[in-house]
Structures are given as structure tokens and as C-alpha cells.
All heavy atoms as atom14 arrays in JSON, in Angstrom:
{
  "sequence": "IMGLTSPQSAILSAIIFNALIIIALIPLALKGVRYRP",
  "atom14_mask": [
    [1, 1, 1, 1, 1, 1, 1, 1, 0, 0, 0, 0, 0, 0],
    [1, 1, 1, 1, 1, 1, 1, 1, 0, 0, 0, 0, 0, 0],
    [1, 1, 1, 1, 0, 0, 0, 0, 0, 0, 0, 0, 0, 0],
    [1, 1, 1, 1, 1, 1, 1, 1, 0, 0, 0, 0, 0, 0],
    [1, 1, 1, 1, 1, 1, 1, 0, 0, 0, 0, 0, 0, 0],
    [1, 1, 1, 1, 1, 1, 0, 0, 0, 0, 0, 0, 0, 0],
    [1, 1, 1, 1, 1, 1, 1, 0, 0, 0, 0, 0, 0, 0],
    [1, 1, 1, 1, 1, 1, 1, 1, 1, 0, 0, 0, 0, 0],
    [1, 1, 1, 1, 1, 1, 0, 0, 0, 0, 0, 0, 0, 0],
    [1, 1, 1, 1, 1, 0, 0, 0, 0, 0, 0, 0, 0, 0],
    [1, 1, 1, 1, 1, 1, 1, 1, 0, 0, 0, 0, 0, 0],
    [1, 1, 1, 1, 1, 1, 1, 1, 0, 0, 0, 0, 0, 0],
    [1, 1, 1, 1, 1, 1, 0, 0, 0, 0, 0, 0, 0, 0],
    [1, 1, 1, 1, 1, 0, 0, 0, 0, 0, 0, 0, 0, 0],
    [1, 1, 1, 1, 1, 1, 1, 1, 0, 0, 0, 0, 0, 0],
    [1, 1, 1, 1, 1, 1, 1, 1, 0, 0, 0, 0, 0, 0],
    [1, 1, 1, 1, 1, 1, 1, 1, 1, 1, 1, 0, 0, 0],
    [1, 1, 1, 1, 1, 1, 1, 1, 0, 0, 0, 0, 0, 0],
    [1, 1, 1, 1, 1, 0, 0, 0, 0, 0, 0, 0, 0, 0],
    [1, 1, 1, 1, 1, 1, 1, 1, 0, 0, 0, 0, 0, 0],
    [1, 1, 1, 1, 1, 1, 1, 1, 0, 0, 0, 0, 0, 0],
    [1, 1, 1, 1, 1, 1, 1, 1, 0, 0, 0, 0, 0, 0],
    [1, 1, 1, 1, 1, 1, 1, 1, 0, 0, 0, 0, 0, 0],
    [1, 1, 1, 1, 1, 0, 0, 0, 0, 0, 0, 0, 0, 0],
    [1, 1, 1, 1, 1, 1, 1, 1, 0, 0, 0, 0, 0, 0],
    [1, 1, 1, 1, 1, 1, 1, 1, 0, 0, 0, 0, 0, 0],
    [1, 1, 1, 1, 1, 1, 1, 0, 0, 0, 0, 0, 0, 0],
    [1, 1, 1, 1, 1, 1, 1, 1, 0, 0, 0, 0, 0, 0],
    [1, 1, 1, 1, 1, 0, 0, 0, 0, 0, 0, 0, 0, 0],
    [1, 1, 1, 1, 1, 1, 1, 1, 0, 0, 0, 0, 0, 0],
    [1, 1, 1, 1, 1, 1, 1, 1, 1, 0, 0, 0, 0, 0],
    [1, 1, 1, 1, 0, 0, 0, 0, 0, 0, 0, 0, 0, 0],
    [1, 1, 1, 1, 1, 1, 1, 0, 0, 0, 0, 0, 0, 0],
    [1, 1, 1, 1, 1, 1, 1, 1, 1, 1, 1, 0, 0, 0],
    [1, 1, 1, 1, 1, 1, 1, 1, 1, 1, 1, 1, 0, 0],
    [1, 1, 1, 1, 1, 1, 1, 1, 1, 1, 1, 0, 0, 0],
    [1, 1, 1, 1, 1, 1, 1, 0, 0, 0, 0, 0, 0, 0]
  ],
  "atom14_positions": [
    [[-51.25, -26.99, -14.28], [-50.53, -27.28, -13.08], [-50.85, -26.36, -11.93], [-50.42, -26.67, -10.8], [-48.99, -27.31, -13.4], [-48.53, -25.95, -13.97], [-48.62, -28.42, -14.31], [-47.03, -25.9, -14.26], [0.0, 0.0, 0.0], [0.0, 0.0, 0.0], [0.0, 0.0, 0.0], [0.0, 0.0, 0.0], [0.0, 0.0, 0.0], [0.0, 0.0, 0.0]],
    [[-51.35, -25.18, -12.27], [-51.7, -24.22, -11.25], [-53.07, -24.53, -10.59], [-53.41, -23.93, -9.49], [-51.67, -22.77, -11.76], [-50.38, -22.18, -11.86], [-50.42, -20.54, -12.45], [-50.39, -20.69, -14.22], [0.0, 0.0, 0.0], [0.0, 0.0, 0.0], [0.0, 0.0, 0.0], [0.0, 0.0, 0.0], [0.0, 0.0, 0.0], [0.0, 0.0, 0.0]],
    [[-53.89, -25.47, -11.2], [-55.18, -25.8, -10.71], [-56.14, -24.58, -10.43], [-56.7, -24.51, -9.51], [0.0, 0.0, 0.0], [0.0, 0.0, 0.0], [0.0, 0.0, 0.0], [0.0, 0.0, 0.0], [0.0, 0.0, 0.0], [0.0, 0.0, 0.0], [0.0, 0.0, 0.0], [0.0, 0.0, 0.0], [0.0, 0.0, 0.0], [0.0, 0.0, 0.0]],
    [[-56.21, -23.81, -11.57], [-56.97, -22.63, -11.51], [-58.44, -22.98, -11.45], [-58.88, -24.06, -11.94], [-56.74, -21.7, -12.74], [-55.23, -21.32, -12.88], [-54.94, -20.38, -14.06], [-54.79, -20.49, -11.58], [0.0, 0.0, 0.0], [0.0, 0.0, 0.0], [0.0, 0.0, 0.0], [0.0, 0.0, 0.0], [0.0, 0.0, 0.0], [0.0, 0.0, 0.0]],
    [[-59.31, -22.07, -10.89], [-60.67, -22.39, -10.62], [-61.48, -22.72, -11.83], [-62.24, -23.73, -11.87], [-61.36, -21.14, -9.87], [-60.51, -20.88, -8.74], [-62.73, -21.55, -9.39], [0.0, 0.0, 0.0], [0.0, 0.0, 0.0], [0.0, 0.0, 0.0], [0.0, 0.0, 0.0], [0.0, 0.0, 0.0], [0.0, 0.0, 0.0], [0.0, 0.0, 0.0]],
    [[-61.34, -21.88, -12.86], [-62.25, -22.16, -14.07], [-61.5, -21.44, -15.26], [-60.64, -20.66, -15.07], [-63.61, -21.52, -13.95], [-63.51, -20.08, -13.86], [0.0, 0.0, 0.0], [0.0, 0.0, 0.0], [0.0, 0.0, 0.0], [0.0, 0.0, 0.0], [0.0, 0.0, 0.0], [0.0, 0.0, 0.0], [0.0, 0.0, 0.0], [0.0, 0.0, 0.0]],
    [[-61.94, -21.86, -16.46], [-61.36, -21.22, -17.72], [-61.45, -19.56, -17.6], [-60.58, -18.91, -17.89], [-62.13, -21.85, -18.79], [-62.53, -23.13, -18.37], [-62.85, -22.96, -16.88], [0.0, 0.0, 0.0], [0.0, 0.0, 0.0], [0.0, 0.0, 0.0], [0.0, 0.0, 0.0], [0.0, 0.0, 0.0], [0.0, 0.0, 0.0], [0.0, 0.0, 0.0]],
    [[-62.7, -19.16, -17.28], [-62.84, -17.68, -17.21], [-61.95, -17.14, -16.14], [-61.5, -16.05, -16.39], [-64.38, -17.43, -16.92], [-65.34, -17.85, -17.98], [-65.73, -19.31, -17.87], [-65.21, -20.03, -17.08], [-66.57, -19.77, -18.91], [0.0, 0.0, 0.0], [0.0, 0.0, 0.0], [0.0, 0.0, 0.0], [0.0, 0.0, 0.0], [0.0, 0.0, 0.0]],
    [[-61.86, -17.77, -15.02], [-61.01, -17.21, -13.83], [-59.57, -17.23, -14.34], [-58.82, -16.28, -14.02], [-61.26, -17.98, -12.71], [-60.37, -17.58, -11.7], [0.0, 0.0, 0.0], [0.0, 0.0, 0.0], [0.0, 0.0, 0.0], [0.0, 0.0, 0.0], [0.0, 0.0, 0.0], [0.0, 0.0, 0.0], [0.0, 0.0, 0.0], [0.0, 0.0, 0.0]],
    [[-59.13, -18.25, -14.96], [-57.79, -18.42, -15.42], [-57.36, -17.24, -16.39], [-56.33, -16.61, -16.34], [-57.53, -19.74, -16.06], [0.0, 0.0, 0.0], [0.0, 0.0, 0.0], [0.0, 0.0, 0.0], [0.0, 0.0, 0.0], [0.0, 0.0, 0.0], [0.0, 0.0, 0.0], [0.0, 0.0, 0.0], [0.0, 0.0, 0.0], [0.0, 0.0, 0.0]],
    [[-58.21, -17.08, -17.35], [-57.96, -15.97, -18.41], [-57.97, -14.6, -17.69], [-57.11, -13.69, -18.02], [-59.11, -15.94, -19.5], [-58.94, -17.33, -20.24], [-58.96, -14.87, -20.43], [-60.17, -17.61, -21.22], [0.0, 0.0, 0.0], [0.0, 0.0, 0.0], [0.0, 0.0, 0.0], [0.0, 0.0, 0.0], [0.0, 0.0, 0.0], [0.0, 0.0, 0.0]],
    [[-58.89, -14.39, -16.88], [-59.09, -13.01, -16.17], [-57.85, -12.87, -15.26], [-57.26, -11.74, -15.21], [-60.3, -12.96, -15.4], [-60.55, -11.61, -14.71], [-60.61, -10.51, -15.67], [-61.88, -11.64, -13.85], [0.0, 0.0, 0.0], [0.0, 0.0, 0.0], [0.0, 0.0, 0.0], [0.0, 0.0, 0.0], [0.0, 0.0, 0.0], [0.0, 0.0, 0.0]],
    [[-57.45, -13.9, -14.57], [-56.32, -13.76, -13.71], [-54.99, -13.54, -14.33], [-54.19, -12.72, -13.97], [-56.17, -15.03, -12.77], [-57.28, -15.3, -12.01], [0.0, 0.0, 0.0], [0.0, 0.0, 0.0], [0.0, 0.0, 0.0], [0.0, 0.0, 0.0], [0.0, 0.0, 0.0], [0.0, 0.0, 0.0], [0.0, 0.0, 0.0], [0.0, 0.0, 0.0]],
    [[-54.81, -14.16, -15.49], [-53.61, -13.91, -16.33], [-53.58, -12.44, -16.81], [-52.43, -11.95, -16.84], [-53.58, -14.88, -17.48], [0.0, 0.0, 0.0], [0.0, 0.0, 0.0], [0.0, 0.0, 0.0], [0.0, 0.0, 0.0], [0.0, 0.0, 0.0], [0.0, 0.0, 0.0], [0.0, 0.0, 0.0], [0.0, 0.0, 0.0], [0.0, 0.0, 0.0]],
    [[-54.72, -11.97, -17.35], [-54.64, -10.69, -17.85], [-54.48, -9.57, -16.83], [-53.9, -8.57, -16.98], [-55.97, -10.39, -18.69], [-55.61, -9.28, -19.82], [-57.11, -9.98, -17.91], [-54.69, -9.86, -20.88], [0.0, 0.0, 0.0], [0.0, 0.0, 0.0], [0.0, 0.0, 0.0], [0.0, 0.0, 0.0], [0.0, 0.0, 0.0], [0.0, 0.0, 0.0]],
    [[-55.07, -9.89, -15.58], [-54.88, -8.97, -14.43], [-53.35, -8.93, -14.11], [-52.68, -7.9, -13.82], [-55.8, -9.41, -13.29], [-57.11, -9.05, -13.54], [-55.38, -8.55, -12.0], [-58.13, -9.62, -12.6], [0.0, 0.0, 0.0], [0.0, 0.0, 0.0], [0.0, 0.0, 0.0], [0.0, 0.0, 0.0], [0.0, 0.0, 0.0], [0.0, 0.0, 0.0]],
    [[-52.8, -10.14, -13.99], [-51.32, -10.18, -13.6], [-50.49, -9.53, -14.65], [-49.55, -8.75, -14.31], [-50.88, -11.72, -13.5], [-49.49, -11.86, -13.21], [-49.04, -11.81, -11.94], [-48.61, -12.01, -14.18], [-47.64, -11.82, -11.64], [-47.23, -12.23, -13.97], [-46.72, -12.18, -12.63], [0.0, 0.0, 0.0], [0.0, 0.0, 0.0], [0.0, 0.0, 0.0]],
    [[-50.85, -9.69, -15.96], [-50.11, -9.01, -16.94], [-50.01, -7.54, -16.8], [-49.06, -6.88, -17.17], [-50.69, -9.41, -18.34], [-49.87, -9.14, -19.51], [-48.86, -9.66, -19.61], [-50.34, -8.17, -20.42], [0.0, 0.0, 0.0], [0.0, 0.0, 0.0], [0.0, 0.0, 0.0], [0.0, 0.0, 0.0], [0.0, 0.0, 0.0], [0.0, 0.0, 0.0]],
    [[-51.13, -6.96, -16.35], [-51.17, -5.51, -16.18], [-50.42, -5.05, -14.92], [-49.61, -4.11, -14.91], [-52.54, -5.0, -16.14], [0.0, 0.0, 0.0], [0.0, 0.0, 0.0], [0.0, 0.0, 0.0], [0.0, 0.0, 0.0], [0.0, 0.0, 0.0], [0.0, 0.0, 0.0], [0.0, 0.0, 0.0], [0.0, 0.0, 0.0], [0.0, 0.0, 0.0]],
    [[-50.63, -5.81, -13.79], [-50.06, -5.4, -12.59], [-48.53, -5.54, -12.44], [-47.92, -4.84, -11.83], [-50.67, -6.25, -11.44], [-52.22, -5.95, -11.1], [-52.72, -6.86, -9.94], [-52.43, -4.53, -10.79], [0.0, 0.0, 0.0], [0.0, 0.0, 0.0], [0.0, 0.0, 0.0], [0.0, 0.0, 0.0], [0.0, 0.0, 0.0], [0.0, 0.0, 0.0]],
    [[-48.11, -6.53, -13.17], [-46.63, -6.72, -13.15], [-45.81, -5.59, -13.72], [-44.69, -5.31, -13.3], [-46.2, -8.03, -13.84], [-44.82, -8.46, -13.47], [-46.29, -7.98, -15.4], [-44.52, -8.91, -12.02], [0.0, 0.0, 0.0], [0.0, 0.0, 0.0], [0.0, 0.0, 0.0], [0.0, 0.0, 0.0], [0.0, 0.0, 0.0], [0.0, 0.0, 0.0]],
    [[-46.44, -4.88, -14.66], [-45.85, -3.68, -15.11], [-45.58, -2.53, -14.03], [-44.54, -2.03, -13.97], [-46.55, -3.06, -16.31], [-46.54, -4.0, -17.51], [-45.99, -1.71, -16.71], [-47.38, -3.64, -18.67], [0.0, 0.0, 0.0], [0.0, 0.0, 0.0], [0.0, 0.0, 0.0], [0.0, 0.0, 0.0], [0.0, 0.0, 0.0], [0.0, 0.0, 0.0]],
    [[-46.77, -2.36, -13.28], [-46.59, -1.46, -12.16], [-45.5, -1.85, -11.15], [-44.78, -1.1, -10.6], [-47.94, -1.23, -11.44], [-48.87, -0.51, -12.36], [-47.89, -0.61, -10.14], [-48.57, 1.04, -12.54], [0.0, 0.0, 0.0], [0.0, 0.0, 0.0], [0.0, 0.0, 0.0], [0.0, 0.0, 0.0], [0.0, 0.0, 0.0], [0.0, 0.0, 0.0]],
    [[-45.57, -3.19, -10.84], [-44.64, -3.71, -9.82], [-43.13, -3.6, -10.21], [-42.31, -3.41, -9.37], [-44.95, -5.23, -9.54], [0.0, 0.0, 0.0], [0.0, 0.0, 0.0], [0.0, 0.0, 0.0], [0.0, 0.0, 0.0], [0.0, 0.0, 0.0], [0.0, 0.0, 0.0], [0.0, 0.0, 0.0], [0.0, 0.0, 0.0], [0.0, 0.0, 0.0]],
    [[-42.92, -3.61, -11.6], [-41.56, -3.45, -12.03], [-40.97, -2.02, -12.29], [-39.92, -1.89, -12.66], [-41.33, -4.26, -13.33], [-41.42, -5.85, -13.04], [-41.35, -6.54, -14.44], [-40.32, -6.39, -12.09], [0.0, 0.0, 0.0], [0.0, 0.0, 0.0], [0.0, 0.0, 0.0], [0.0, 0.0, 0.0], [0.0, 0.0, 0.0], [0.0, 0.0, 0.0]],
    [[-41.94, -1.07, -12.13], [-41.53, 0.34, -12.41], [-40.45, 0.78, -11.54], [-39.39, 1.29, -12.04], [-42.63, 1.29, -12.29], [-43.74, 1.12, -13.41], [-42.26, 2.75, -12.18], [-44.85, 1.88, -13.32], [0.0, 0.0, 0.0], [0.0, 0.0, 0.0], [0.0, 0.0, 0.0], [0.0, 0.0, 0.0], [0.0, 0.0, 0.0], [0.0, 0.0, 0.0]],
    [[-40.35, 0.52, -10.17], [-39.17, 0.89, -9.4], [-37.89, 0.27, -9.8], [-36.82, 1.0, -9.81], [-39.59, 0.45, -7.95], [-41.14, 0.38, -8.05], [-41.51, -0.05, -9.32], [0.0, 0.0, 0.0], [0.0, 0.0, 0.0], [0.0, 0.0, 0.0], [0.0, 0.0, 0.0], [0.0, 0.0, 0.0], [0.0, 0.0, 0.0], [0.0, 0.0, 0.0]],
    [[-37.95, -0.89, -10.31], [-36.75, -1.54, -10.75], [-36.26, -1.0, -12.11], [-35.07, -0.76, -12.23], [-36.97, -3.17, -10.88], [-35.75, -4.04, -11.38], [-34.7, -3.91, -10.33], [-36.17, -5.39, -11.6], [0.0, 0.0, 0.0], [0.0, 0.0, 0.0], [0.0, 0.0, 0.0], [0.0, 0.0, 0.0], [0.0, 0.0, 0.0], [0.0, 0.0, 0.0]],
    [[-37.13, -0.61, -12.92], [-36.87, -0.06, -14.19], [-36.2, 1.39, -14.02], [-35.16, 1.73, -14.6], [-38.0, 0.07, -15.13], [0.0, 0.0, 0.0], [0.0, 0.0, 0.0], [0.0, 0.0, 0.0], [0.0, 0.0, 0.0], [0.0, 0.0, 0.0], [0.0, 0.0, 0.0], [0.0, 0.0, 0.0], [0.0, 0.0, 0.0], [0.0, 0.0, 0.0]],
    [[-36.71, 2.08, -13.01], [-36.17, 3.42, -12.81], [-34.88, 3.34, -11.93], [-33.88, 4.09, -12.24], [-37.16, 4.24, -11.94], [-38.47, 4.49, -12.68], [-39.46, 5.4, -11.73], [-38.27, 5.32, -14.01], [0.0, 0.0, 0.0], [0.0, 0.0, 0.0], [0.0, 0.0, 0.0], [0.0, 0.0, 0.0], [0.0, 0.0, 0.0], [0.0, 0.0, 0.0]],
    [[-34.78, 2.45, -10.94], [-33.58, 2.38, -10.14], [-32.49, 1.69, -10.87], [-31.25, 1.96, -10.59], [-33.93, 1.73, -8.84], [-32.81, 1.83, -7.83], [-33.27, 1.21, -6.44], [-32.18, 1.25, -5.46], [-32.63, 0.62, -4.14], [0.0, 0.0, 0.0], [0.0, 0.0, 0.0], [0.0, 0.0, 0.0], [0.0, 0.0, 0.0], [0.0, 0.0, 0.0]],
    [[-32.77, 0.65, -11.52], [-31.85, -0.13, -12.29], [-31.36, -1.32, -11.53], [-31.42, -1.37, -10.28], [0.0, 0.0, 0.0], [0.0, 0.0, 0.0], [0.0, 0.0, 0.0], [0.0, 0.0, 0.0], [0.0, 0.0, 0.0], [0.0, 0.0, 0.0], [0.0, 0.0, 0.0], [0.0, 0.0, 0.0], [0.0, 0.0, 0.0], [0.0, 0.0, 0.0]],
    [[-30.96, -2.38, -12.26], [-30.51, -3.56, -11.73], [-29.18, -3.33, -11.12], [-28.3, -2.64, -11.8], [-30.51, -4.7, -12.62], [-29.76, -6.0, -12.06], [-31.9, -5.03, -13.15], [0.0, 0.0, 0.0], [0.0, 0.0, 0.0], [0.0, 0.0, 0.0], [0.0, 0.0, 0.0], [0.0, 0.0, 0.0], [0.0, 0.0, 0.0], [0.0, 0.0, 0.0]],
    [[-28.86, -3.8, -9.89], [-27.6, -3.55, -9.24], [-26.4, -4.31, -10.11], [-26.61, -5.45, -10.47], [-27.61, -4.12, -7.99], [-26.21, -3.76, -7.1], [-26.3, -4.33, -5.77], [-25.02, -4.11, -4.98], [-24.77, -4.47, -3.84], [-25.69, -5.19, -3.08], [-23.53, -4.3, -3.24], [0.0, 0.0, 0.0], [0.0, 0.0, 0.0], [0.0, 0.0, 0.0]],
    [[-25.44, -3.56, -10.39], [-24.31, -4.04, -11.24], [-23.15, -4.39, -10.29], [-22.76, -3.6, -9.56], [-23.93, -3.13, -12.27], [-22.61, -3.58, -13.03], [-22.8, -4.7, -13.94], [-21.37, -3.05, -12.85], [-21.61, -5.14, -14.54], [-20.3, -3.53, -13.4], [-20.45, -4.57, -14.36], [-19.31, -4.99, -14.99], [0.0, 0.0, 0.0], [0.0, 0.0, 0.0]],
    [[-22.66, -5.63, -10.42], [-21.43, -6.1, -9.78], [-20.42, -6.42, -10.8], [-20.66, -7.28, -11.72], [-21.74, -7.29, -8.87], [-22.68, -7.0, -7.66], [-22.77, -8.27, -6.8], [-23.69, -8.08, -5.77], [-25.06, -8.43, -5.89], [-25.54, -8.88, -6.97], [-26.02, -8.24, -4.91], [0.0, 0.0, 0.0], [0.0, 0.0, 0.0], [0.0, 0.0, 0.0]],
    [[-19.18, -5.94, -10.76], [-18.21, -6.12, -11.76], [-17.92, -7.71, -11.86], [-17.66, -8.34, -10.87], [-17.02, -5.39, -11.34], [-17.5, -4.28, -10.4], [-18.71, -4.92, -9.76], [0.0, 0.0, 0.0], [0.0, 0.0, 0.0], [0.0, 0.0, 0.0], [0.0, 0.0, 0.0], [0.0, 0.0, 0.0], [0.0, 0.0, 0.0], [0.0, 0.0, 0.0]]
  ]
}
């Protein structure tokens, strides 16, 4: 459904995203999710 360019591109894009999302979420992990009673 994403209409990715090729099988090789799809695999590489998924593995790149898998690594980058960890870096992107570090500030949230350190700061914490805002808690509302």
C-alpha cells in the first residue's frame, strides 16, 4: 500500500527507519510521557 520503488529499496528503507526511530525517540524516553491524572 505504500507503493515502494523496489523490493531492495523497501527492505533498505525499512531497516533504515528501524534504526533512526530509536534516535528520534530518545528525547521522549529521557523526558518521559506527560502524565495527566
